[in-house]
């Protein structure tokens, strides 16, 4: 049975907001954002204000997936830090309202870049956007998790060990066919992860350019979006996820920089981006970057497989995009193996 991810019960949402959101006044209009593969997201407009509603998808979901309560908590905690986030308003965990958990946040005006080539910008602007992307990433990893109340936002122990276990199970639960490259990559993850170096920071988990909002007419980031995969973990996983993405081909699904003359476009090399990050955080160098990049390919393979499985099951936020995600699964697995070999 196909689950409806495209519409909202506006009457129920209006009644809830009228009761719980100060200064709310209807009438209310809702428009579905047709991007993203995680939690269905809607623009809510009243005559005087714009909000965003983000909800769990309906239907049977993998355990621990689509935790909108965690998204709400982390963004609320980051208010006032150097990490820009939207203002959080309400978290509703009453399934009788619209059938699944949801939260309400402010709509952030700005512009979003779907690909890291930043085609609409000048050479100088591209460099500035990339540098602010780098700045926000370093700021995220420098957040004092005790001071903002997030010290218990992720379990203790080796981050990579627990993530490898989690995403191996998630992949196996969503698998639709045997994929030898992923089987080999999962086995390699178990044997190659480094020891615990003591770093324990907030991590975003999906720090891509399209998960950031920038000023309408400038190059400063005004909000980091899509915190579904955030936790307390190892900062190099976030950094490596940026490098992983850039190793993919260009295009709206893969969003990579493979084959691009970065220097001509004003875009940093992998080494330059990593060096700038290290300088901002006072780090000398990063050993074993190949493992961290391979880990990110492994995790993204599992995520894409889950998106594909939801599309087949009929409860994906973007069904057609979900099916296209399935085409990337073997590519990401193979890239992960190549990163380990390097």
Protein backbone atom coordinates (compact mmCIF):
# COMPACT_ATOMS: atom_id res chain seq x y z
CA UNK A 1 0.00 0.00 0.00
CA UNK A 2 1.44 3.37 -1.01
CA UNK A 3 1.74 5.86 1.83
CA UNK A 4 1.01 9.54 1.18
CA UNK A 5 4.14 11.65 1.67
CA UNK A 6 2.97 14.52 -0.53
CA UNK A 7 0.11 16.12 1.41
CA UNK A 8 -0.68 17.39 4.90
CA UNK A 9 -3.89 17.49 6.92
CA UNK A 10 -4.01 21.29 6.97
CA UNK A 11 -7.00 21.40 9.29
CA UNK A 12 -5.19 19.32 11.90
CA UNK A 13 -1.95 21.31 11.57
CA UNK A 14 -3.80 24.62 11.82
CA UNK A 15 -5.63 23.53 14.96
CA UNK A 16 -2.39 22.33 16.55
CA UNK A 17 -0.46 25.51 15.77
CA UNK A 18 -3.31 27.74 16.93
CA UNK A 19 -3.15 26.00 20.31
CA UNK A 20 0.62 25.66 20.75
CA UNK A 21 2.45 28.31 18.66
CA UNK A 22 2.40 31.85 20.09
CA UNK A 23 1.24 34.57 17.69
CA UNK A 24 0.12 32.04 15.08
CA UNK A 25 -2.73 33.24 12.86
CA UNK A 26 -4.12 31.50 9.80
CA UNK A 27 -5.19 30.85 7.18
CA UNK A 28 -2.44 28.34 6.45
CA UNK A 29 -1.13 27.12 3.11
CA UNK A 30 1.31 24.23 2.65
CA UNK A 31 3.69 23.41 -0.21
CA UNK A 32 5.80 20.25 -0.34
CA UNK A 33 9.53 20.70 -0.94
CA UNK A 34 10.31 18.24 -3.75
CA UNK A 35 13.92 17.71 -2.69
CA UNK A 36 15.55 15.42 -0.16
CA UNK A 37 15.04 11.76 0.52
CA UNK A 38 14.72 11.63 4.27
CA UNK A 39 11.83 13.35 6.03
CA UNK A 40 8.98 14.94 4.05
CA UNK A 41 9.26 18.71 4.44
CA UNK A 42 6.65 21.41 3.81
CA UNK A 43 6.66 25.19 3.57
CA UNK A 44 3.86 26.59 5.72
CA UNK A 45 2.69 30.11 4.86
CA UNK A 46 0.38 32.42 6.75
CA UNK A 47 -0.39 36.03 5.82
CA UNK A 48 2.40 37.22 8.14
CA UNK A 49 4.93 34.40 8.55
CA UNK A 50 6.65 31.45 6.90
CA UNK A 51 7.43 28.23 8.74
CA UNK A 52 8.76 24.81 7.79
CA UNK A 53 7.18 21.55 8.93
CA UNK A 54 9.37 18.45 8.83
CA UNK A 55 7.81 15.08 9.62
CA UNK A 56 8.60 11.41 9.80
CA UNK A 57 7.38 9.55 6.72
CA UNK A 58 4.27 7.46 7.29
CA UNK A 59 4.49 3.68 7.19
CA UNK A 60 6.83 1.09 8.69
CA UNK A 61 10.36 2.50 9.07
CA UNK A 62 13.76 1.07 9.94
CA UNK A 63 14.56 1.30 13.64
CA UNK A 64 16.18 4.63 14.67
CA UNK A 65 15.60 6.13 11.20
CA UNK A 66 13.87 9.49 10.62
CA UNK A 67 14.31 10.70 14.21
CA UNK A 68 12.84 14.17 13.85
CA UNK A 69 12.98 14.61 17.63
CA UNK A 70 16.78 14.47 17.40
CA UNK A 71 16.81 16.96 14.52
CA UNK A 72 14.74 19.33 16.62
CA UNK A 73 16.90 18.90 19.72
CA UNK A 74 20.25 19.51 18.05
CA UNK A 75 19.16 22.60 16.13
CA UNK A 76 17.55 24.07 19.24
CA UNK A 77 20.78 23.45 21.17
CA UNK A 78 22.89 25.17 18.49
CA UNK A 79 20.99 28.46 18.70
CA UNK A 80 23.49 31.18 19.57
CA UNK A 81 26.59 29.24 18.53
CA UNK A 82 28.78 29.89 15.48
CA UNK A 83 26.83 27.18 13.62
CA UNK A 84 23.89 28.83 11.83
CA UNK A 85 20.56 27.03 12.19
CA UNK A 86 16.89 27.87 11.76
CA UNK A 87 14.88 28.88 14.83
CA UNK A 88 13.05 25.90 16.32
CA UNK A 89 9.45 26.35 17.52
CA UNK A 90 7.60 23.12 18.29
CA UNK A 91 8.10 19.36 18.41
CA UNK A 92 4.95 17.23 18.21
CA UNK A 93 5.18 13.54 19.10
CA UNK A 94 1.44 12.91 19.22
CA UNK A 95 0.61 10.55 16.33
CA UNK A 96 -3.06 11.55 16.52
CA UNK A 97 -2.30 14.97 15.01
CA UNK A 98 -1.05 14.04 11.51
CA UNK A 99 -0.07 10.40 11.92
CA UNK A 100 3.64 10.80 12.70
CA UNK A 101 6.07 13.00 14.64
CA UNK A 102 6.86 16.44 13.23
CA UNK A 103 8.48 19.72 14.18
CA UNK A 104 8.01 23.36 13.24
CA UNK A 105 10.87 25.75 12.55
CA UNK A 106 11.27 29.15 10.93
CA UNK A 107 11.68 29.34 7.18
CA UNK A 108 15.15 30.70 6.39
CA UNK A 109 15.31 32.92 3.32
CA UNK A 110 18.38 32.43 1.18
CA UNK A 111 19.74 30.43 -1.71
CA UNK A 112 20.68 26.79 -1.98
CA UNK A 113 23.31 25.30 -4.29
CA UNK A 114 22.55 21.84 -5.59
CA UNK A 115 26.07 21.11 -6.84
CA UNK A 116 29.56 22.07 -5.59
CA UNK A 117 30.53 23.46 -9.02
CA UNK A 118 28.52 26.56 -8.00
CA UNK A 119 27.84 27.37 -11.65
CA UNK A 120 25.81 30.53 -10.97
CA UNK A 121 28.67 32.25 -9.12
CA UNK A 122 31.81 34.09 -10.13
CA UNK A 123 35.26 32.62 -9.52
CA UNK A 124 35.74 34.84 -6.46
CA UNK A 125 32.29 34.00 -5.06
CA UNK A 126 32.92 30.27 -5.41
CA UNK A 127 36.03 30.52 -3.30
CA UNK A 128 34.16 32.52 -0.67
CA UNK A 129 31.28 30.04 -0.49
CA UNK A 130 33.70 27.15 -0.16
CA UNK A 131 35.64 28.92 2.57
CA UNK A 132 32.47 29.63 4.54
CA UNK A 133 31.44 25.98 4.11
CA UNK A 134 34.83 25.14 5.63
CA UNK A 135 34.38 27.70 8.42
CA UNK A 136 31.01 26.30 9.46
CA UNK A 137 32.35 22.74 9.45
CA UNK A 138 35.23 23.71 11.75
CA UNK A 139 32.82 25.68 13.98
CA UNK A 140 30.53 22.67 14.23
CA UNK A 141 33.36 20.48 15.50
CA UNK A 142 34.45 23.16 17.98
CA UNK A 143 31.02 23.37 19.65
CA UNK A 144 31.29 22.70 23.40
CA UNK A 145 28.84 19.80 23.62
CA UNK A 146 28.70 20.00 27.41
CA UNK A 147 27.87 23.70 27.38
CA UNK A 148 25.01 23.31 24.88
CA UNK A 149 23.58 20.23 26.59
CA UNK A 150 24.47 17.65 23.95
CA UNK A 151 27.02 15.51 25.79
CA UNK A 152 24.51 12.61 25.79
CA UNK A 153 23.45 13.12 22.17
CA UNK A 154 25.45 10.06 21.11
CA UNK A 155 26.59 6.95 22.99
CA UNK A 156 30.13 6.59 24.35
CA UNK A 157 32.77 4.38 22.79
CA UNK A 158 34.47 4.27 19.40
CA UNK A 159 32.33 6.21 16.93
CA UNK A 160 33.48 4.32 13.87
CA UNK A 161 32.95 0.92 15.47
CA UNK A 162 29.35 1.70 16.37
CA UNK A 163 28.61 3.43 13.05
CA UNK A 164 29.98 0.49 11.09
CA UNK A 165 27.77 -1.85 13.10
CA UNK A 166 24.71 0.34 12.69
CA UNK A 167 25.00 0.90 8.95
CA UNK A 168 25.89 -2.71 8.25
CA UNK A 169 22.59 -3.70 9.90
CA UNK A 170 20.69 -0.93 8.10
CA UNK A 171 22.10 -2.00 4.76
CA UNK A 172 21.32 -5.66 5.35
CA UNK A 173 17.77 -4.80 6.42
CA UNK A 174 17.19 -2.81 3.21
CA UNK A 175 19.14 -5.02 0.77
CA UNK A 176 17.32 -6.01 -2.40
CA UNK A 177 20.06 -8.09 -4.04
CA UNK A 178 23.57 -9.40 -3.38
CA UNK A 179 26.28 -6.81 -4.04
CA UNK A 180 29.81 -8.30 -3.77
CA UNK A 181 31.54 -4.89 -3.62
CA UNK A 182 29.46 -3.85 -0.60
CA UNK A 183 30.01 -7.20 1.09
CA UNK A 184 33.76 -6.70 0.67
CA UNK A 185 33.59 -3.09 1.85
CA UNK A 186 31.59 -4.01 4.97
CA UNK A 187 34.19 -6.65 5.85
CA UNK A 188 37.03 -4.17 5.29
CA UNK A 189 35.37 -1.59 7.55
CA UNK A 190 35.38 -4.05 10.43
CA UNK A 191 39.13 -4.65 10.18
CA UNK A 192 40.51 -1.24 9.19
CA UNK A 193 38.97 1.28 11.57
CA UNK A 194 41.53 3.18 13.68
CA UNK A 195 41.80 3.20 17.43
CA UNK A 196 40.10 5.81 19.58
CA UNK A 197 42.07 9.07 19.49
CA UNK A 198 39.81 10.71 22.06
CA UNK A 199 38.07 13.17 19.75
CA UNK A 200 34.36 13.42 20.58
CA UNK A 201 32.46 16.21 18.87
CA UNK A 202 29.09 16.98 17.37
CA UNK A 203 28.94 15.68 13.79
CA UNK A 204 26.34 16.49 11.15
CA UNK A 205 26.52 13.21 9.25
CA UNK A 206 25.59 14.59 5.80
CA UNK A 207 27.54 17.84 5.39
CA UNK A 208 26.89 18.52 1.71
CA UNK A 209 26.60 21.84 -0.08
CA UNK A 210 22.90 21.24 -0.78
CA UNK A 211 22.25 20.90 2.96
CA UNK A 212 23.25 24.51 3.51
CA UNK A 213 21.47 27.80 2.92
CA UNK A 214 23.48 30.87 1.94
CA UNK A 215 22.65 34.55 1.82
CA UNK A 216 20.46 35.55 -1.11
CA UNK A 217 23.04 38.02 -2.40
CA UNK A 218 26.15 36.95 -0.52
CA UNK A 219 28.40 34.01 0.27
CA UNK A 220 27.84 33.54 4.00
CA UNK A 221 26.02 30.44 5.25
CA UNK A 222 22.79 31.35 7.07
CA UNK A 223 21.57 27.87 8.02
CA UNK A 224 22.72 24.25 8.03
CA UNK A 225 19.83 21.91 7.21
CA UNK A 226 18.94 18.20 7.45
CA UNK A 227 20.32 17.08 10.81
CA UNK A 228 18.81 13.60 10.68
CA UNK A 229 22.19 11.82 10.82
CA UNK A 230 23.76 14.06 13.47
CA UNK A 231 25.23 12.56 16.61
CA UNK A 232 28.24 12.78 18.89
CA UNK A 233 31.08 11.20 17.03
CA UNK A 234 34.37 11.79 15.26
CA UNK A 235 34.87 15.06 13.35
CA UNK A 236 36.90 13.48 10.55
CA UNK A 237 33.82 11.60 9.40
CA UNK A 238 32.20 14.93 8.46
CA UNK A 239 35.35 16.24 6.84
CA UNK A 240 35.82 13.04 4.85
CA UNK A 241 32.21 13.15 3.70
CA UNK A 242 32.99 16.40 1.86
CA UNK A 243 36.03 14.82 0.18
CA UNK A 244 33.98 11.71 -0.64
CA UNK A 245 31.32 13.77 -2.39
CA UNK A 246 33.86 15.61 -4.51
CA UNK A 247 35.20 12.30 -5.85
CA UNK A 248 31.88 11.59 -7.53
CA UNK A 249 30.89 12.73 -11.05
CA UNK A 250 29.15 16.05 -11.57
CA UNK A 251 25.36 15.99 -11.75
CA UNK A 252 22.26 16.57 -9.62
CA UNK A 253 22.29 13.11 -8.02
CA UNK A 254 26.01 12.53 -7.41
CA UNK A 255 26.97 16.20 -6.84
CA UNK A 256 30.69 15.62 -7.35
CA UNK A 257 33.73 17.35 -8.82
CA UNK A 258 35.39 14.42 -10.59
CA UNK A 259 37.10 15.70 -13.75
CA UNK A 260 36.46 19.36 -12.94
CA UNK A 261 39.27 21.91 -13.32
CA UNK A 262 38.83 23.26 -9.82
CA UNK A 263 41.58 25.85 -10.05
CA UNK A 264 39.97 27.46 -13.10
CA UNK A 265 36.62 27.63 -11.31
CA UNK A 266 38.02 28.99 -8.05
CA UNK A 267 37.30 25.79 -6.12
CA UNK A 268 39.77 24.36 -3.57
CA UNK A 269 41.59 21.07 -4.00
CA UNK A 270 40.96 18.30 -1.46
CA UNK A 271 44.31 19.04 0.18
CA UNK A 272 43.63 22.78 0.36
CA UNK A 273 40.20 22.27 1.94
CA UNK A 274 41.61 19.83 4.51
CA UNK A 275 44.54 22.14 5.28
CA UNK A 276 42.21 25.13 5.84
CA UNK A 277 40.04 23.04 8.14
CA UNK A 278 43.12 21.90 10.11
CA UNK A 279 44.35 25.48 10.43
CA UNK A 280 41.00 26.63 11.79
CA UNK A 281 40.97 23.86 14.39
CA UNK A 282 44.66 23.97 15.30
CA UNK A 283 45.40 20.49 13.91
CA UNK A 284 48.82 19.61 12.48
CA UNK A 285 47.69 16.95 9.99
CA UNK A 286 45.21 14.10 9.53
CA UNK A 287 46.49 10.56 9.23
CA UNK A 288 44.48 7.73 7.61
CA UNK A 289 42.26 10.07 5.57
CA UNK A 290 41.71 7.22 3.10
CA UNK A 291 39.92 5.16 5.75
CA UNK A 292 37.67 8.05 6.72
CA UNK A 293 36.71 8.64 3.09
CA UNK A 294 36.07 4.91 2.59
CA UNK A 295 33.88 4.92 5.69
CA UNK A 296 31.79 7.73 4.21
CA UNK A 297 31.31 5.80 0.97
CA UNK A 298 30.27 2.76 3.00
CA UNK A 299 27.73 4.71 5.03
CA UNK A 300 26.33 6.49 1.97
CA UNK A 301 25.94 3.15 0.19
CA UNK A 302 23.78 1.96 3.07
CA UNK A 303 21.76 5.19 3.08
CA UNK A 304 21.15 5.07 -0.68
CA UNK A 305 20.06 1.45 -0.41
CA UNK A 306 17.54 2.46 2.25
CA UNK A 307 16.22 5.25 0.02
CA UNK A 308 15.91 2.79 -2.87
CA UNK A 309 14.12 0.24 -0.70
CA UNK A 310 11.62 2.86 0.50
CA UNK A 311 10.93 3.80 -3.13
CA UNK A 312 10.20 0.17 -3.96
CA UNK A 313 8.00 -0.12 -0.88
CA UNK A 314 6.05 3.01 -1.81
CA UNK A 315 6.83 5.35 1.09
CA UNK A 316 9.73 7.44 -0.25
CA UNK A 317 9.57 11.23 -0.01
CA UNK A 318 10.56 11.45 -3.71
CA UNK A 319 9.72 8.07 -5.31
CA UNK A 320 11.44 8.66 -8.66
CA UNK A 321 14.54 10.08 -7.03
CA UNK A 322 14.56 7.11 -4.69
CA UNK A 323 14.70 4.71 -7.58
CA UNK A 324 17.56 6.68 -9.16
CA UNK A 325 19.41 6.41 -5.84
CA UNK A 326 19.46 2.66 -6.36
CA UNK A 327 21.67 3.14 -9.42
CA UNK A 328 24.32 4.80 -7.26
CA UNK A 329 24.56 2.00 -4.69
CA UNK A 330 27.14 -0.17 -6.53
CA UNK A 331 29.11 2.92 -7.59
CA UNK A 332 29.51 4.16 -4.01
CA UNK A 333 30.51 0.70 -2.77
CA UNK A 334 33.25 0.44 -5.40
CA UNK A 335 34.51 3.95 -4.64
CA UNK A 336 34.78 2.98 -0.99
CA UNK A 337 37.04 0.07 -1.85
CA UNK A 338 39.19 2.33 -4.01
CA UNK A 339 39.60 4.82 -1.15
CA UNK A 340 40.86 2.08 1.15
CA UNK A 341 43.35 0.93 -1.45
CA UNK A 342 44.73 4.46 -1.81
